[in-house]
C-alpha atoms as a PDB file:
ATOM      1  CA  MET A   1       0.091  -0.228   0.016  1.00  0.00           C
ATOM      2  CA  ILE A   2       1.020   3.544  -0.710  1.00  0.00           C
ATOM      3  CA  ARG A   3      -0.455   6.451   0.536  1.00  0.00           C
ATOM      4  CA  GLU A   4       0.165  10.204   0.007  1.00  0.00           C
ATOM      5  CA  ARG A   5      -1.203  13.175   1.498  1.00  0.00           C
ATOM      6  CA  VAL A   6      -1.700  15.504  -1.576  1.00  0.00           C
ATOM      7  CA  CYS A   7      -2.843  18.382   0.856  1.00  0.00           C
ATOM      8  CA  LYS A   8      -4.204  19.128   4.026  1.00  0.00           C
ATOM      9  CA  GLN A   9      -7.436  17.172   3.580  1.00  0.00           C
ATOM     10  CA  LEU A  10      -6.824  14.915   0.524  1.00  0.00           C
ATOM     11  CA  TYR A  11      -5.102  11.522   0.721  1.00  0.00           C
ATOM     12  CA  LEU A  12      -4.509   9.427  -2.482  1.00  0.00           C
ATOM     13  CA  THR A  13      -3.944   5.637  -1.955  1.00  0.00           C
ATOM     14  CA  LEU A  14      -2.571   2.953  -4.185  1.00  0.00           C
ATOM     15  CA  LEU A  15      -3.193  -0.773  -2.910  1.00  0.00           C
ATOM     16  CA  GLY A  16      -2.419  -3.944  -4.471  1.00  0.00           C
ATOM     17  CA  GLY A  17      -1.413  -7.460  -4.130  1.00  0.00           C
ATOM     18  CA  CYS A  18      -1.394 -11.358  -5.443  1.00  0.00           C
ATOM     19  CA  GLU A  19      -1.734 -14.475  -3.823  1.00  0.00           C
ATOM     20  CA  HIS A  20      -0.521 -17.954  -5.668  1.00  0.00           C
ATOM     21  CA  VAL A  21      -2.489 -20.955  -4.013  1.00  0.00           C
ATOM     22  CA  GLU A  22      -1.641 -24.514  -5.122  1.00  0.00           C
ATOM     23  CA  TYR A  23      -4.314 -27.005  -4.029  1.00  0.00           C
ATOM     24  CA  PHE A  24      -3.260 -30.667  -3.341  1.00  0.00           C
ATOM     25  CA  ASN A  25      -5.428 -33.908  -3.267  1.00  0.00           C
ATOM     26  CA  THR A  26      -6.258 -35.753  -0.268  1.00  0.00           C
ATOM     27  CA  ILE A  27      -7.843 -38.922  -1.694  1.00  0.00           C
ATOM     28  CA  ASP A  28      -5.344 -41.379  -3.520  1.00  0.00           C
ATOM     29  CA  LEU A  29      -7.049 -42.747  -6.782  1.00  0.00           C
ATOM     30  CA  PRO A  30      -5.428 -45.199  -9.149  1.00  0.00           C
ATOM     31  CA  MET A  31      -5.879 -42.461 -11.594  1.00  0.00           C
ATOM     32  CA  PRO A  32      -4.200 -39.228 -10.531  1.00  0.00           C
ATOM     33  CA  LEU A  33      -6.125 -36.192 -10.293  1.00  0.00           C
ATOM     34  CA  PRO A  34      -4.953 -32.789 -12.047  1.00  0.00           C
ATOM     35  CA  THR A  35      -3.477 -30.444  -9.397  1.00  0.00           C
ATOM     36  CA  LEU A  36      -5.265 -27.487  -9.211  1.00  0.00           C
ATOM     37  CA  ARG A  37      -3.963 -23.649  -8.610  1.00  0.00           C
ATOM     38  CA  ASP A  38      -5.154 -20.291  -8.524  1.00  0.00           C
ATOM     39  CA  ASP A  39      -3.262 -16.820  -9.330  1.00  0.00           C
ATOM     40  CA  TYR A  40      -5.141 -13.908  -7.697  1.00  0.00           C
ATOM     41  CA  PHE A  41      -4.474 -10.238  -8.329  1.00  0.00           C
ATOM     42  CA  TYR A  42      -6.077  -6.934  -7.302  1.00  0.00           C
ATOM     43  CA  VAL A  43      -5.083  -3.303  -7.564  1.00  0.00           C
ATOM     44  CA  GLN A  44      -7.166  -0.363  -5.898  1.00  0.00           C
ATOM     45  CA  PRO A  45      -6.729   3.276  -6.323  1.00  0.00           C
ATOM     46  CA  SER A  46      -8.445   5.512  -3.958  1.00  0.00           C
ATOM     47  CA  ALA A  47      -8.967   9.049  -2.622  1.00  0.00           C
ATOM     48  CA  ASP A  48     -10.225   9.988   0.634  1.00  0.00           C
ATOM     49  CA  ILE A  49     -11.234  13.713   1.725  1.00  0.00           C
ATOM     50  CA  LEU A  50     -10.602  14.263   5.570  1.00  0.00           C
ATOM     51  CA  LEU A  51     -13.893  16.084   6.883  1.00  0.00           C
ATOM     52  CA  ILE A  52     -13.081  16.558  10.187  1.00  0.00           C
ATOM     53  CA  ARG A  53     -10.274  15.021  12.423  1.00  0.00           C
ATOM     54  CA  TYR A  54     -11.672  11.636  12.695  1.00  0.00           C
ATOM     55  CA  TRP A  55     -14.003  11.192  10.031  1.00  0.00           C
ATOM     56  CA  SER A  56     -13.216  10.851   6.395  1.00  0.00           C
ATOM     57  CA  PHE A  57     -15.225  10.251   3.089  1.00  0.00           C
ATOM     58  CA  GLY A  58     -13.748   8.794  -0.354  1.00  0.00           C
ATOM     59  CA  GLY A  59     -14.127   6.582  -3.271  1.00  0.00           C
ATOM     60  CA  TYR A  60     -12.363   4.033  -4.734  1.00  0.00           C
ATOM     61  CA  TYR A  61     -11.792   1.815  -7.973  1.00  0.00           C
ATOM     62  CA  LEU A  62     -11.289  -2.110  -7.320  1.00  0.00           C
ATOM     63  CA  ARG A  63     -10.008  -4.336 -10.370  1.00  0.00           C
ATOM     64  CA  ARG A  64      -9.479  -8.227  -9.504  1.00  0.00           C
ATOM     65  CA  GLU A  65      -8.346 -10.949 -11.555  1.00  0.00           C
ATOM     66  CA  ASN A  66      -8.022 -14.731 -10.860  1.00  0.00           C
ATOM     67  CA  SER A  67      -6.047 -17.093 -13.310  1.00  0.00           C
ATOM     68  CA  GLY A  68      -6.266 -20.598 -12.294  1.00  0.00           C
ATOM     69  CA  SER A  69      -5.458 -24.098 -14.139  1.00  0.00           C
ATOM     70  CA  VAL A  70      -9.220 -24.592 -14.593  1.00  0.00           C
ATOM     71  CA  SER A  71     -10.318 -22.023 -17.009  1.00  0.00           C
ATOM     72  CA  SER A  72     -14.061 -22.368 -15.476  1.00  0.00           C
ATOM     73  CA  VAL A  73     -12.681 -20.516 -12.267  1.00  0.00           C
ATOM     74  CA  ASP A  74     -11.139 -17.683 -14.061  1.00  0.00           C
ATOM     75  CA  PHE A  75     -12.775 -14.126 -13.548  1.00  0.00           C
ATOM     76  CA  HIS A  76     -12.220 -10.523 -13.861  1.00  0.00           C
ATOM     77  CA  SER A  77     -14.071  -8.000 -11.864  1.00  0.00           C
ATOM     78  CA  ASN A  78     -14.289  -4.296 -11.777  1.00  0.00           C
ATOM     79  CA  GLU A  79     -15.831  -2.739  -8.631  1.00  0.00           C
ATOM     80  CA  VAL A  80     -16.261   1.214  -7.995  1.00  0.00           C
ATOM     81  CA  GLY A  81     -17.607   2.542  -4.832  1.00  0.00           C
ATOM     82  CA  VAL A  82     -17.811   5.039  -1.894  1.00  0.00           C
ATOM     83  CA  ARG A  83     -16.840   4.780   1.452  1.00  0.00           C
ATOM     84  CA  THR A  84     -17.069   6.793   4.909  1.00  0.00           C
ATOM     85  CA  THR A  85     -14.554   6.078   7.943  1.00  0.00           C
ATOM     86  CA  ILE A  86     -14.914   7.077  11.354  1.00  0.00           C
ATOM     87  CA  LYS A  87     -12.042   6.609  13.515  1.00  0.00           C
ATOM     88  CA  PHE A  88     -11.951   6.670  17.619  1.00  0.00           C
END
């Protein structure tokens, strides 16, 4: 995560990550089952305005992508949202 204070009340944030998961078979069969894996990536830029010392309001865009060893579990997702945060 990278967060930068642009001015007294405006914060810009860039959040991102990845996860690699490999699954293993728990049942031994005469015919081996395929090994499954998932590669999950996400990136989320956002902007927040500090309304008062403990209350902020902002918006974000979230891009998620999963590519796995089985093509039926692949997905791409785009999400836009607003949020408010109260710290106490």
